[in-house]
């Protein structure tokens, strides 16, 4: 019985890891699409175009990137908790989530320094 509970909880943690990874990934795609769409924009114009996608109560560039970093850390923690599963596909997916989260953390830190 405890084996079934352990497998179910690991699948749940894997699902949460993927969910928390998708949030910063979506933010990365939005930022990249703005950068690709108009390459001649200044950095301040890019930031304003990026913030236009969010409601008025989320109009802080730094807060959005800090939230992105926190989501990446949560995704890493959840993927580590669900990583002990013996399914190769789940292990590869969670490994991708870990490495992708690390890269998105570096991206967010670079944008915070901007």
PDB file of N, CA and C in Angstrom:
ATOM      1  N   UNK A   1       0.812  -1.196   0.000  1.00  0.00           N
ATOM      2  CA  UNK A   1       0.000   0.000   0.000  1.00  0.00           C
ATOM      3  C   UNK A   1       0.855   1.259   0.000  1.00  0.00           C
ATOM      4  N   UNK A   2       1.953   1.233   0.740  1.00  0.00           N
ATOM      5  CA  UNK A   2       2.802   2.423   0.789  1.00  0.00           C
ATOM      6  C   UNK A   2       3.513   2.638  -0.540  1.00  0.00           C
ATOM      7  N   UNK A   3       3.742   1.564  -1.310  1.00  0.00           N
ATOM      8  CA  UNK A   3       4.373   1.709  -2.623  1.00  0.00           C
ATOM      9  C   UNK A   3       3.446   2.461  -3.576  1.00  0.00           C
ATOM     10  N   UNK A   4       2.169   2.149  -3.549  1.00  0.00           N
ATOM     11  CA  UNK A   4       1.204   2.843  -4.399  1.00  0.00           C
ATOM     12  C   UNK A   4       1.101   4.311  -4.008  1.00  0.00           C
ATOM     13  N   UNK A   5       1.097   4.587  -2.730  1.00  0.00           N
ATOM     14  CA  UNK A   5       1.042   5.971  -2.263  1.00  0.00           C
ATOM     15  C   UNK A   5       2.309   6.714  -2.678  1.00  0.00           C
ATOM     16  N   UNK A   6       3.451   6.049  -2.612  1.00  0.00           N
ATOM     17  CA  UNK A   6       4.714   6.663  -2.989  1.00  0.00           C
ATOM     18  C   UNK A   6       4.750   6.981  -4.481  1.00  0.00           C
ATOM     19  N   UNK A   7       4.263   6.059  -5.303  1.00  0.00           N
ATOM     20  CA  UNK A   7       4.227   6.284  -6.752  1.00  0.00           C
ATOM     21  C   UNK A   7       3.279   7.423  -7.087  1.00  0.00           C
ATOM     22  N   UNK A   8       2.123   7.441  -6.443  1.00  0.00           N
ATOM     23  CA  UNK A   8       1.144   8.499  -6.695  1.00  0.00           C
ATOM     24  C   UNK A   8       1.693   9.861  -6.278  1.00  0.00           C
ATOM     25  N   UNK A   9       2.345   9.921  -5.134  1.00  0.00           N
ATOM     26  CA  UNK A   9       2.878  11.207  -4.687  1.00  0.00           C
ATOM     27  C   UNK A   9       4.014  11.673  -5.592  1.00  0.00           C
ATOM     28  N   UNK A  10       4.812  10.753  -6.121  1.00  0.00           N
ATOM     29  CA  UNK A  10       5.889  11.143  -7.031  1.00  0.00           C
ATOM     30  C   UNK A  10       5.333  11.654  -8.355  1.00  0.00           C
ATOM     31  N   UNK A  11       4.254  11.042  -8.822  1.00  0.00           N
ATOM     32  CA  UNK A  11       3.608  11.554 -10.034  1.00  0.00           C
ATOM     33  C   UNK A  11       3.019  12.934  -9.788  1.00  0.00           C
ATOM     34  N   UNK A  12       2.460  13.120  -8.608  1.00  0.00           N
ATOM     35  CA  UNK A  12       1.897  14.423  -8.240  1.00  0.00           C
ATOM     36  C   UNK A  12       2.998  15.482  -8.190  1.00  0.00           C
ATOM     37  N   UNK A  13       4.132  15.147  -7.576  1.00  0.00           N
ATOM     38  CA  UNK A  13       5.252  16.085  -7.522  1.00  0.00           C
ATOM     39  C   UNK A  13       5.799  16.374  -8.913  1.00  0.00           C
ATOM     40  N   UNK A  14       5.832  15.367  -9.765  1.00  0.00           N
ATOM     41  CA  UNK A  14       6.294  15.579 -11.142  1.00  0.00           C
ATOM     42  C   UNK A  14       5.351  16.509 -11.886  1.00  0.00           C
ATOM     43  N   UNK A  15       4.061  16.339 -11.684  1.00  0.00           N
ATOM     44  CA  UNK A  15       3.085  17.225 -12.329  1.00  0.00           C
ATOM     45  C   UNK A  15       3.211  18.655 -11.829  1.00  0.00           C
ATOM     46  N   UNK A  16       3.411  18.819 -10.532  1.00  0.00           N
ATOM     47  CA  UNK A  16       3.602  20.157  -9.980  1.00  0.00           C
ATOM     48  C   UNK A  16       4.892  20.795 -10.503  1.00  0.00           C
ATOM     49  N   UNK A  17       5.928  19.994 -10.647  1.00  0.00           N
ATOM     50  CA  UNK A  17       7.191  20.518 -11.173  1.00  0.00           C
ATOM     51  C   UNK A  17       7.012  21.039 -12.589  1.00  0.00           C
ATOM     52  N   UNK A  18       6.306  20.297 -13.402  1.00  0.00           N
ATOM     53  CA  UNK A  18       6.066  20.726 -14.787  1.00  0.00           C
ATOM     54  C   UNK A  18       5.192  21.977 -14.807  1.00  0.00           C
ATOM     55  N   UNK A  19       4.196  22.030 -13.951  1.00  0.00           N
ATOM     56  CA  UNK A  19       3.317  23.198 -13.885  1.00  0.00           C
ATOM     57  C   UNK A  19       4.092  24.455 -13.477  1.00  0.00           C
ATOM     58  N   UNK A  20       4.916  24.336 -12.447  1.00  0.00           N
ATOM     59  CA  UNK A  20       5.688  25.490 -12.008  1.00  0.00           C
ATOM     60  C   UNK A  20       6.788  25.861 -12.996  1.00  0.00           C
ATOM     61  N   UNK A  21       7.226  24.921 -13.816  1.00  0.00           N
ATOM     62  CA  UNK A  21       8.217  25.225 -14.853  1.00  0.00           C
ATOM     63  C   UNK A  21       7.576  25.957 -16.029  1.00  0.00           C
ATOM     64  N   UNK A  22       6.325  25.686 -16.309  1.00  0.00           N
ATOM     65  CA  UNK A  22       5.666  26.311 -17.457  1.00  0.00           C
ATOM     66  C   UNK A  22       5.452  27.816 -17.275  1.00  0.00           C
ATOM     67  N   UNK A  23       5.298  28.266 -16.044  1.00  0.00           N
ATOM     68  CA  UNK A  23       5.066  29.699 -15.798  1.00  0.00           C
ATOM     69  C   UNK A  23       6.273  30.531 -16.240  1.00  0.00           C
ATOM     70  N   UNK A  24       7.497  30.250 -15.747  1.00  0.00           N
ATOM     71  CA  UNK A  24       8.631  31.045 -16.220  1.00  0.00           C
ATOM     72  C   UNK A  24       8.956  30.805 -17.691  1.00  0.00           C
ATOM     73  N   UNK A  25       8.641  29.616 -18.180  1.00  0.00           N
ATOM     74  CA  UNK A  25       8.872  29.343 -19.598  1.00  0.00           C
ATOM     75  C   UNK A  25       7.974  30.221 -20.459  1.00  0.00           C
ATOM     76  N   UNK A  26       6.734  30.389 -20.058  1.00  0.00           N
ATOM     77  CA  UNK A  26       5.815  31.274 -20.770  1.00  0.00           C
ATOM     78  C   UNK A  26       6.303  32.724 -20.722  1.00  0.00           C
ATOM     79  N   UNK A  27       6.775  33.166 -19.562  1.00  0.00           N
ATOM     80  CA  UNK A  27       7.318  34.521 -19.449  1.00  0.00           C
ATOM     81  C   UNK A  27       8.540  34.707 -20.348  1.00  0.00           C
ATOM     82  N   UNK A  28       9.363  33.666 -20.442  1.00  0.00           N
ATOM     83  CA  UNK A  28      10.533  33.716 -21.324  1.00  0.00           C
ATOM     84  C   UNK A  28      10.103  33.839 -22.780  1.00  0.00           C
ATOM     85  N   UNK A  29       9.088  33.080 -23.171  1.00  0.00           N
ATOM     86  CA  UNK A  29       8.597  33.153 -24.557  1.00  0.00           C
ATOM     87  C   UNK A  29       8.006  34.519 -24.872  1.00  0.00           C
ATOM     88  N   UNK A  30       7.305  35.118 -23.917  1.00  0.00           N
ATOM     89  CA  UNK A  30       6.747  36.456 -24.134  1.00  0.00           C
ATOM     90  C   UNK A  30       7.874  37.462 -24.325  1.00  0.00           C
ATOM     91  N   UNK A  31       8.882  37.409 -23.463  1.00  0.00           N
ATOM     92  CA  UNK A  31      10.004  38.340 -23.577  1.00  0.00           C
ATOM     93  C   UNK A  31      10.759  38.134 -24.891  1.00  0.00           C
ATOM     94  N   UNK A  32      10.977  36.887 -25.277  1.00  0.00           N
ATOM     95  CA  UNK A  32      11.693  36.597 -26.513  1.00  0.00           C
ATOM     96  C   UNK A  32      10.897  37.043 -27.725  1.00  0.00           C
ATOM     97  N   UNK A  33       9.581  36.865 -27.701  1.00  0.00           N
ATOM     98  CA  UNK A  33       8.767  37.299 -28.839  1.00  0.00           C
ATOM     99  C   UNK A  33       8.804  38.813 -28.994  1.00  0.00           C
ATOM    100  N   UNK A  34       8.856  39.529 -27.894  1.00  0.00           N
ATOM    101  CA  UNK A  34       8.973  40.985 -27.969  1.00  0.00           C
ATOM    102  C   UNK A  34      10.323  41.381 -28.552  1.00  0.00           C
ATOM    103  N   UNK A  35      11.363  40.695 -28.132  1.00  0.00           N
ATOM    104  CA  UNK A  35      12.704  41.007 -28.632  1.00  0.00           C
ATOM    105  C   UNK A  35      12.858  40.678 -30.106  1.00  0.00           C
ATOM    106  N   UNK A  36      12.239  39.598 -30.548  1.00  0.00           N
ATOM    107  CA  UNK A  36      12.338  39.202 -31.953  1.00  0.00           C
ATOM    108  C   UNK A  36      11.463  40.088 -32.831  1.00  0.00           C
ATOM    109  N   UNK A  37      10.285  40.467 -32.317  1.00  0.00           N
ATOM    110  CA  UNK A  37       9.323  41.225 -33.112  1.00  0.00           C
ATOM    111  C   UNK A  37       9.900  42.559 -33.586  1.00  0.00           C
ATOM    112  N   UNK A  38      10.518  43.287 -32.682  1.00  0.00           N
ATOM    113  CA  UNK A  38      11.078  44.587 -33.046  1.00  0.00           C
ATOM    114  C   UNK A  38      12.459  44.699 -32.413  1.00  0.00           C
ATOM    115  N   UNK A  39      13.466  44.392 -33.195  1.00  0.00           N
ATOM    116  CA  UNK A  39      14.837  44.349 -32.694  1.00  0.00           C
ATOM    117  C   UNK A  39      15.396  45.745 -32.433  1.00  0.00           C
ATOM    118  N   UNK A  40      14.810  46.772 -33.038  1.00  0.00           N
ATOM    119  CA  UNK A  40      15.332  48.132 -32.903  1.00  0.00           C
ATOM    120  C   UNK A  40      14.802  48.846 -31.657  1.00  0.00           C
ATOM    121  N   UNK A  41      13.958  48.203 -30.869  1.00  0.00           N
ATOM    122  CA  UNK A  41      13.407  48.828 -29.663  1.00  0.00           C
ATOM    123  C   UNK A  41      14.495  48.991 -28.604  1.00  0.00           C
ATOM    124  N   UNK A  42      14.377  50.055 -27.831  1.00  0.00           N
ATOM    125  CA  UNK A  42      15.287  50.218 -26.700  1.00  0.00           C
ATOM    126  C   UNK A  42      14.860  49.274 -25.578  1.00  0.00           C
ATOM    127  N   UNK A  43      15.717  49.122 -24.593  1.00  0.00           N
ATOM    128  CA  UNK A  43      15.399  48.219 -23.485  1.00  0.00           C
ATOM    129  C   UNK A  43      14.179  48.692 -22.696  1.00  0.00           C
ATOM    130  N   UNK A  44      14.056  49.988 -22.509  1.00  0.00           N
ATOM    131  CA  UNK A  44      12.886  50.511 -21.787  1.00  0.00           C
ATOM    132  C   UNK A  44      11.589  50.268 -22.550  1.00  0.00           C
ATOM    133  N   UNK A  45      11.647  50.386 -23.882  1.00  0.00           N
ATOM    134  CA  UNK A  45      10.451  50.101 -24.683  1.00  0.00           C
ATOM    135  C   UNK A  45      10.086  48.620 -24.626  1.00  0.00           C
ATOM    136  N   UNK A  46      11.103  47.761 -24.607  1.00  0.00           N
ATOM    137  CA  UNK A  46      10.846  46.318 -24.491  1.00  0.00           C
ATOM    138  C   UNK A  46      10.199  45.991 -23.147  1.00  0.00           C
ATOM    139  N   UNK A  47      10.688  46.636 -22.100  1.00  0.00           N
ATOM    140  CA  UNK A  47      10.118  46.404 -20.768  1.00  0.00           C
ATOM    141  C   UNK A  47       8.665  46.872 -20.727  1.00  0.00           C
ATOM    142  N   UNK A  48       8.378  48.033 -21.306  1.00  0.00           N
ATOM    143  CA  UNK A  48       7.003  48.528 -21.329  1.00  0.00           C
ATOM    144  C   UNK A  48       6.092  47.624 -22.157  1.00  0.00           C
ATOM    145  N   UNK A  49       6.595  47.130 -23.289  1.00  0.00           N
ATOM    146  CA  UNK A  49       5.802  46.199 -24.100  1.00  0.00           C
ATOM    147  C   UNK A  49       5.557  44.899 -23.342  1.00  0.00           C
ATOM    148  N   UNK A  50       6.558  44.440 -22.579  1.00  0.00           N
ATOM    149  CA  UNK A  50       6.424  43.227 -21.774  1.00  0.00           C
ATOM    150  C   UNK A  50       5.389  43.424 -20.673  1.00  0.00           C
ATOM    151  N   UNK A  51       5.433  44.578 -20.022  1.00  0.00           N
ATOM    152  CA  UNK A  51       4.497  44.841 -18.921  1.00  0.00           C
ATOM    153  C   UNK A  51       3.066  45.056 -19.397  1.00  0.00           C
ATOM    154  N   UNK A  52       2.883  45.378 -20.668  1.00  0.00           N
ATOM    155  CA  UNK A  52       1.529  45.544 -21.204  1.00  0.00           C
ATOM    156  C   UNK A  52       0.751  44.235 -21.237  1.00  0.00           C
ATOM    157  N   UNK A  53       1.434  43.104 -21.160  1.00  0.00           N
ATOM    158  CA  UNK A  53       0.762  41.810 -21.146  1.00  0.00           C
ATOM    159  C   UNK A  53       0.149  41.483 -19.786  1.00  0.00           C
ATOM    160  N   UNK A  54       0.466  42.256 -18.764  1.00  0.00           N
ATOM    161  CA  UNK A  54       0.049  41.948 -17.403  1.00  0.00           C
ATOM    162  C   UNK A  54      -0.958  42.972 -16.901  1.00  0.00           C
ATOM    163  N   UNK A  55      -1.791  42.573 -15.918  1.00  0.00           N
ATOM    164  CA  UNK A  55      -2.754  43.525 -15.360  1.00  0.00           C
ATOM    165  C   UNK A  55      -2.048  44.646 -14.604  1.00  0.00           C
ATOM    166  N   UNK A  56      -2.795  45.662 -14.248  1.00  0.00           N
ATOM    167  CA  UNK A  56      -2.211  46.861 -13.629  1.00  0.00           C
ATOM    168  C   UNK A  56      -1.561  46.568 -12.279  1.00  0.00           C
ATOM    169  N   UNK A  57      -2.030  45.578 -11.561  1.00  0.00           N
ATOM    170  CA  UNK A  57      -1.446  45.280 -10.254  1.00  0.00           C
ATOM    171  C   UNK A  57      -0.144  44.496 -10.366  1.00  0.00           C
ATOM    172  N   UNK A  58       0.224  44.076 -11.589  1.00  0.00           N
ATOM    173  CA  UNK A  58       1.493  43.349 -11.810  1.00  0.00           C
ATOM    174  C   UNK A  58       2.429  44.141 -12.719  1.00  0.00           C
ATOM    175  N   UNK A  59       2.498  45.422 -12.557  1.00  0.00           N
ATOM    176  CA  UNK A  59       3.292  46.256 -13.449  1.00  0.00           C
ATOM    177  C   UNK A  59       4.707  46.505 -12.929  1.00  0.00           C
ATOM    178  N   UNK A  60       5.296  45.544 -12.262  1.00  0.00           N
ATOM    179  CA  UNK A  60       6.669  45.659 -11.777  1.00  0.00           C
ATOM    180  C   UNK A  60       7.530  44.613 -12.481  1.00  0.00           C
ATOM    181  N   UNK A  61       8.493  45.089 -13.242  1.00  0.00           N
ATOM    182  CA  UNK A  61       9.368  44.202 -14.005  1.00  0.00           C
ATOM    183  C   UNK A  61      10.186  43.314 -13.067  1.00  0.00           C
ATOM    184  N   UNK A  62      10.707  43.899 -12.000  1.00  0.00           N
ATOM    185  CA  UNK A  62      11.518  43.122 -11.054  1.00  0.00           C
ATOM    186  C   UNK A  62      10.674  42.086 -10.319  1.00  0.00           C
ATOM    187  N   UNK A  63       9.473  42.439  -9.941  1.00  0.00           N
ATOM    188  CA  UNK A  63       8.616  41.494  -9.222  1.00  0.00           C
ATOM    189  C   UNK A  63       8.245  40.303 -10.109  1.00  0.00           C
ATOM    190  N   UNK A  64       8.030  40.555 -11.379  1.00  0.00           N
ATOM    191  CA  UNK A  64       7.701  39.459 -12.301  1.00  0.00           C
ATOM    192  C   UNK A  64       8.873  38.505 -12.428  1.00  0.00           C
ATOM    193  N   UNK A  65      10.088  39.032 -12.522  1.00  0.00           N
ATOM    194  CA  UNK A  65      11.256  38.165 -12.646  1.00  0.00           C
ATOM    195  C   UNK A  65      11.605  37.467 -11.332  1.00  0.00           C
ATOM    196  N   UNK A  66      11.357  38.111 -10.214  1.00  0.00           N
ATOM    197  CA  UNK A  66      11.557  37.438  -8.929  1.00  0.00           C
ATOM    198  C   UNK A  66      10.549  36.306  -8.776  1.00  0.00           C
ATOM    199  N   UNK A  67       9.313  36.542  -9.197  1.00  0.00           N
ATOM    200  CA  UNK A  67       8.299  35.477  -9.192  1.00  0.00           C
ATOM    201  C   UNK A  67       8.727  34.329 -10.111  1.00  0.00           C
ATOM    202  N   UNK A  68       9.311  34.661 -11.242  1.00  0.00           N
ATOM    203  CA  UNK A  68       9.800  33.641 -12.169  1.00  0.00           C
ATOM    204  C   UNK A  68      10.916  32.808 -11.534  1.00  0.00           C
ATOM    205  N   UNK A  69      11.826  33.468 -10.832  1.00  0.00           N
ATOM    206  CA  UNK A  69      12.914  32.754 -10.148  1.00  0.00           C
ATOM    207  C   UNK A  69      12.355  31.845  -9.063  1.00  0.00           C
ATOM    208  N   UNK A  70      11.397  32.326  -8.306  1.00  0.00           N
ATOM    209  CA  UNK A  70      10.785  31.499  -7.258  1.00  0.00           C
ATOM    210  C   UNK A  70      10.076  30.286  -7.851  1.00  0.00           C
ATOM    211  N   UNK A  71       9.375  30.471  -8.970  1.00  0.00           N
ATOM    212  CA  UNK A  71       8.712  29.340  -9.628  1.00  0.00           C
ATOM    213  C   UNK A  71       9.735  28.316 -10.105  1.00  0.00           C
ATOM    214  N   UNK A  72      10.865  28.786 -10.587  1.00  0.00           N
ATOM    215  CA  UNK A  72      11.916  27.860 -11.029  1.00  0.00           C
ATOM    216  C   UNK A  72      12.472  27.067  -9.853  1.00  0.00           C
ATOM    217  N   UNK A  73      12.695  27.729  -8.716  1.00  0.00           N
ATOM    218  CA  UNK A  73      13.184  27.004  -7.541  1.00  0.00           C
ATOM    219  C   UNK A  73      12.163  25.983  -7.061  1.00  0.00           C
ATOM    220  N   UNK A  74      10.896  26.344  -7.069  1.00  0.00           N
ATOM    221  CA  UNK A  74       9.845  25.398  -6.670  1.00  0.00           C
ATOM    222  C   UNK A  74       9.797  24.225  -7.646  1.00  0.00           C
ATOM    223  N   UNK A  75       9.959  24.494  -8.944  1.00  0.00           N
ATOM    224  CA  UNK A  75       9.974  23.421  -9.943  1.00  0.00           C
ATOM    225  C   UNK A  75      11.149  22.491  -9.720  1.00  0.00           C
ATOM    226  N   UNK A  76      12.301  23.036  -9.367  1.00  0.00           N
ATOM    227  CA  UNK A  76      13.475  22.196  -9.091  1.00  0.00           C
ATOM    228  C   UNK A  76      13.226  21.322  -7.872  1.00  0.00           C
ATOM    229  N   UNK A  77      12.651  21.901  -6.841  1.00  0.00           N
ATOM    230  CA  UNK A  77      12.373  21.131  -5.618  1.00  0.00           C
ATOM    231  C   UNK A  77      11.371  20.016  -5.897  1.00  0.00           C
ATOM    232  N   UNK A  78      10.285  20.330  -6.594  1.00  0.00           N
ATOM    233  CA  UNK A  78       9.287  19.303  -6.892  1.00  0.00           C
ATOM    234  C   UNK A  78       9.830  18.243  -7.841  1.00  0.00           C
ATOM    235  N   UNK A  79      10.659  18.637  -8.791  1.00  0.00           N
ATOM    236  CA  UNK A  79      11.208  17.633  -9.698  1.00  0.00           C
ATOM    237  C   UNK A  79      12.182  16.721  -8.961  1.00  0.00           C
ATOM    238  N   UNK A  80      12.879  17.254  -7.982  1.00  0.00           N
ATOM    239  CA  UNK A  80      13.766  16.413  -7.171  1.00  0.00           C
ATOM    240  C   UNK A  80      12.952  15.440  -6.328  1.00  0.00           C
ATOM    241  N   UNK A  81      11.808  15.881  -5.847  1.00  0.00           N
ATOM    242  CA  UNK A  81      10.971  15.004  -5.023  1.00  0.00           C
ATOM    243  C   UNK A  81      10.336  13.891  -5.857  1.00  0.00           C
ATOM    244  N   UNK A  82      10.077  14.137  -7.128  1.00  0.00           N
ATOM    245  CA  UNK A  82       9.464  13.125  -7.975  1.00  0.00           C
ATOM    246  C   UNK A  82      10.444  12.367  -8.834  1.00  0.00           C
ATOM    247  N   UNK A  83      11.735  12.584  -8.621  1.00  0.00           N
ATOM    248  CA  UNK A  83      12.749  12.030  -9.511  1.00  0.00           C
ATOM    249  C   UNK A  83      13.068  10.561  -9.261  1.00  0.00           C
ATOM    250  N   UNK A  84      12.730  10.005  -8.142  1.00  0.00           N
ATOM    251  CA  UNK A  84      13.127   8.647  -7.803  1.00  0.00           C
ATOM    252  C   UNK A  84      12.333   7.567  -8.535  1.00  0.00           C
ATOM    253  N   UNK A  85      11.413   7.984  -9.315  1.00  0.00           N
ATOM    254  CA  UNK A  85      10.583   7.055 -10.079  1.00  0.00           C
ATOM    255  C   UNK A  85      11.447   6.314 -11.098  1.00  0.00           C
ATOM    256  N   UNK A  86      11.147   5.074 -11.386  1.00  0.00           N
ATOM    257  CA  UNK A  86      11.956   4.265 -12.283  1.00  0.00           C
ATOM    258  C   UNK A  86      11.588   4.397 -13.753  1.00  0.00           C
ATOM    259  N   UNK A  87      10.530   5.128 -14.048  1.00  0.00           N
ATOM    260  CA  UNK A  87      10.169   5.335 -15.449  1.00  0.00           C
ATOM    261  C   UNK A  87      11.170   6.267 -16.109  1.00  0.00           C
ATOM    262  N   UNK A  88      11.731   5.837 -17.213  1.00  0.00           N
ATOM    263  CA  UNK A  88      12.738   6.633 -17.903  1.00  0.00           C
ATOM    264  C   UNK A  88      12.152   7.925 -18.459  1.00  0.00           C
ATOM    265  N   UNK A  89      10.947   7.849 -18.988  1.00  0.00           N
ATOM    266  CA  UNK A  89      10.341   9.053 -19.557  1.00  0.00           C
ATOM    267  C   UNK A  89      10.110  10.124 -18.494  1.00  0.00           C
ATOM    268  N   UNK A  90       9.681   9.723 -17.303  1.00  0.00           N
ATOM    269  CA  UNK A  90       9.461  10.689 -16.233  1.00  0.00           C
ATOM    270  C   UNK A  90      10.797  11.234 -15.736  1.00  0.00           C
ATOM    271  N   UNK A  91      11.796  10.410 -15.648  1.00  0.00           N
ATOM    272  CA  UNK A  91      13.107  10.890 -15.200  1.00  0.00           C
ATOM    273  C   UNK A  91      13.689  11.877 -16.193  1.00  0.00           C
ATOM    274  N   UNK A  92      13.553  11.603 -17.489  1.00  0.00           N
ATOM    275  CA  UNK A  92      14.065  12.528 -18.498  1.00  0.00           C
ATOM    276  C   UNK A  92      13.297  13.844 -18.486  1.00  0.00           C
ATOM    277  N   UNK A  93      11.995  13.767 -18.311  1.00  0.00           N
ATOM    278  CA  UNK A  93      11.180  14.972 -18.239  1.00  0.00           C
ATOM    279  C   UNK A  93      11.582  15.821 -17.045  1.00  0.00           C
ATOM    280  N   UNK A  94      11.756  15.198 -15.897  1.00  0.00           N
ATOM    281  CA  UNK A  94      12.128  15.954 -14.708  1.00  0.00           C
ATOM    282  C   UNK A  94      13.560  16.474 -14.797  1.00  0.00           C
ATOM    283  N   UNK A  95      14.426  15.761 -15.477  1.00  0.00           N
ATOM    284  CA  UNK A  95      15.781  16.255 -15.708  1.00  0.00           C
ATOM    285  C   UNK A  95      15.747  17.481 -16.607  1.00  0.00           C
ATOM    286  N   UNK A  96      14.886  17.447 -17.622  1.00  0.00           N
ATOM    287  CA  UNK A  96      14.691  18.612 -18.491  1.00  0.00           C
ATOM    288  C   UNK A  96      14.140  19.788 -17.693  1.00  0.00           C
ATOM    289  N   UNK A  97      13.210  19.528 -16.798  1.00  0.00           N
ATOM    290  CA  UNK A  97      12.647  20.591 -15.963  1.00  0.00           C
ATOM    291  C   UNK A  97      13.737  21.194 -15.084  1.00  0.00           C
ATOM    292  N   UNK A  98      14.593  20.367 -14.511  1.00  0.00           N
ATOM    293  CA  UNK A  98      15.669  20.875 -13.655  1.00  0.00           C
ATOM    294  C   UNK A  98      16.624  21.769 -14.438  1.00  0.00           C
ATOM    295  N   UNK A  99      17.125  21.270 -15.561  1.00  0.00           N
ATOM    296  CA  UNK A  99      18.081  22.057 -16.347  1.00  0.00           C
ATOM    297  C   UNK A  99      17.426  23.295 -16.953  1.00  0.00           C
ATOM    298  N   UNK A 100      16.203  23.146 -17.420  1.00  0.00           N
ATOM    299  CA  UNK A 100      15.491  24.304 -17.956  1.00  0.00           C
ATOM    300  C   UNK A 100      15.243  25.358 -16.893  1.00  0.00           C
ATOM    301  N   UNK A 101      14.918  24.930 -15.685  1.00  0.00           N
ATOM    302  CA  UNK A 101      14.701  25.880 -14.597  1.00  0.00           C
ATOM    303  C   UNK A 101      15.982  26.614 -14.248  1.00  0.00           C
ATOM    304  N   UNK A 102      17.089  25.906 -14.254  1.00  0.00           N
ATOM    305  CA  UNK A 102      18.375  26.555 -13.973  1.00  0.00           C
ATOM    306  C   UNK A 102      18.683  27.599 -15.040  1.00  0.00           C
ATOM    307  N   UNK A 103      18.452  27.264 -16.290  1.00  0.00           N
ATOM    308  CA  UNK A 103      18.699  28.228 -17.361  1.00  0.00           C
ATOM    309  C   UNK A 103      17.761  29.434 -17.262  1.00  0.00           C
ATOM    310  N   UNK A 104      16.514  29.194 -16.915  1.00  0.00           N
ATOM    311  CA  UNK A 104      15.576  30.309 -16.764  1.00  0.00           C
ATOM    312  C   UNK A 104      15.907  31.174 -15.552  1.00  0.00           C
ATOM    313  N   UNK A 105      16.489  30.580 -14.515  1.00  0.00           N
ATOM    314  CA  UNK A 105      16.944  31.376 -13.372  1.00  0.00           C
ATOM    315  C   UNK A 105      18.057  32.316 -13.820  1.00  0.00           C
ATOM    316  N   UNK A 106      19.006  31.787 -14.593  1.00  0.00           N
ATOM    317  CA  UNK A 106      20.090  32.638 -15.098  1.00  0.00           C
ATOM    318  C   UNK A 106      19.547  33.743 -15.999  1.00  0.00           C
ATOM    319  N   UNK A 107      18.575  33.415 -16.830  1.00  0.00           N
ATOM    320  CA  UNK A 107      17.966  34.417 -17.707  1.00  0.00           C
ATOM    321  C   UNK A 107      17.289  35.506 -16.882  1.00  0.00           C
ATOM    322  N   UNK A 108      16.530  35.129 -15.874  1.00  0.00           N
ATOM    323  CA  UNK A 108      15.828  36.108 -15.049  1.00  0.00           C
ATOM    324  C   UNK A 108      16.790  36.988 -14.265  1.00  0.00           C
ATOM    325  N   UNK A 109      17.855  36.391 -13.769  1.00  0.00           N
ATOM    326  CA  UNK A 109      18.857  37.194 -13.062  1.00  0.00           C
ATOM    327  C   UNK A 109      19.512  38.183 -14.015  1.00  0.00           C
ATOM    328  N   UNK A 110      19.793  37.746 -15.227  1.00  0.00           N
ATOM    329  CA  UNK A 110      20.391  38.654 -16.221  1.00  0.00           C
ATOM    330  C   UNK A 110      19.452  39.804 -16.537  1.00  0.00           C
ATOM    331  N   UNK A 111      18.153  39.544 -16.621  1.00  0.00           N
ATOM    332  CA  UNK A 111      17.198  40.612 -16.892  1.00  0.00           C
ATOM    333  C   UNK A 111      17.000  41.531 -15.686  1.00  0.00           C
ATOM    334  N   UNK A 112      17.187  41.009 -14.491  1.00  0.00           N
ATOM    335  CA  UNK A 112      17.094  41.850 -13.298  1.00  0.00           C
ATOM    336  C   UNK A 112      18.260  42.824 -13.220  1.00  0.00           C
ATOM    337  N   UNK A 113      19.414  42.405 -13.693  1.00  0.00           N
ATOM    338  CA  UNK A 113      20.589  43.260 -13.680  1.00  0.00           C
ATOM    339  C   UNK A 113      20.466  44.363 -14.709  1.00  0.00           C
ATOM    340  N   UNK A 114      19.653  44.136 -15.733  1.00  0.00           N
ATOM    341  CA  UNK A 114      19.434  45.102 -16.821  1.00  0.00           C
ATOM    342  C   UNK A 114      19.074  46.409 -16.307  1.00  0.00           C
TER     343      UNK A 114
END
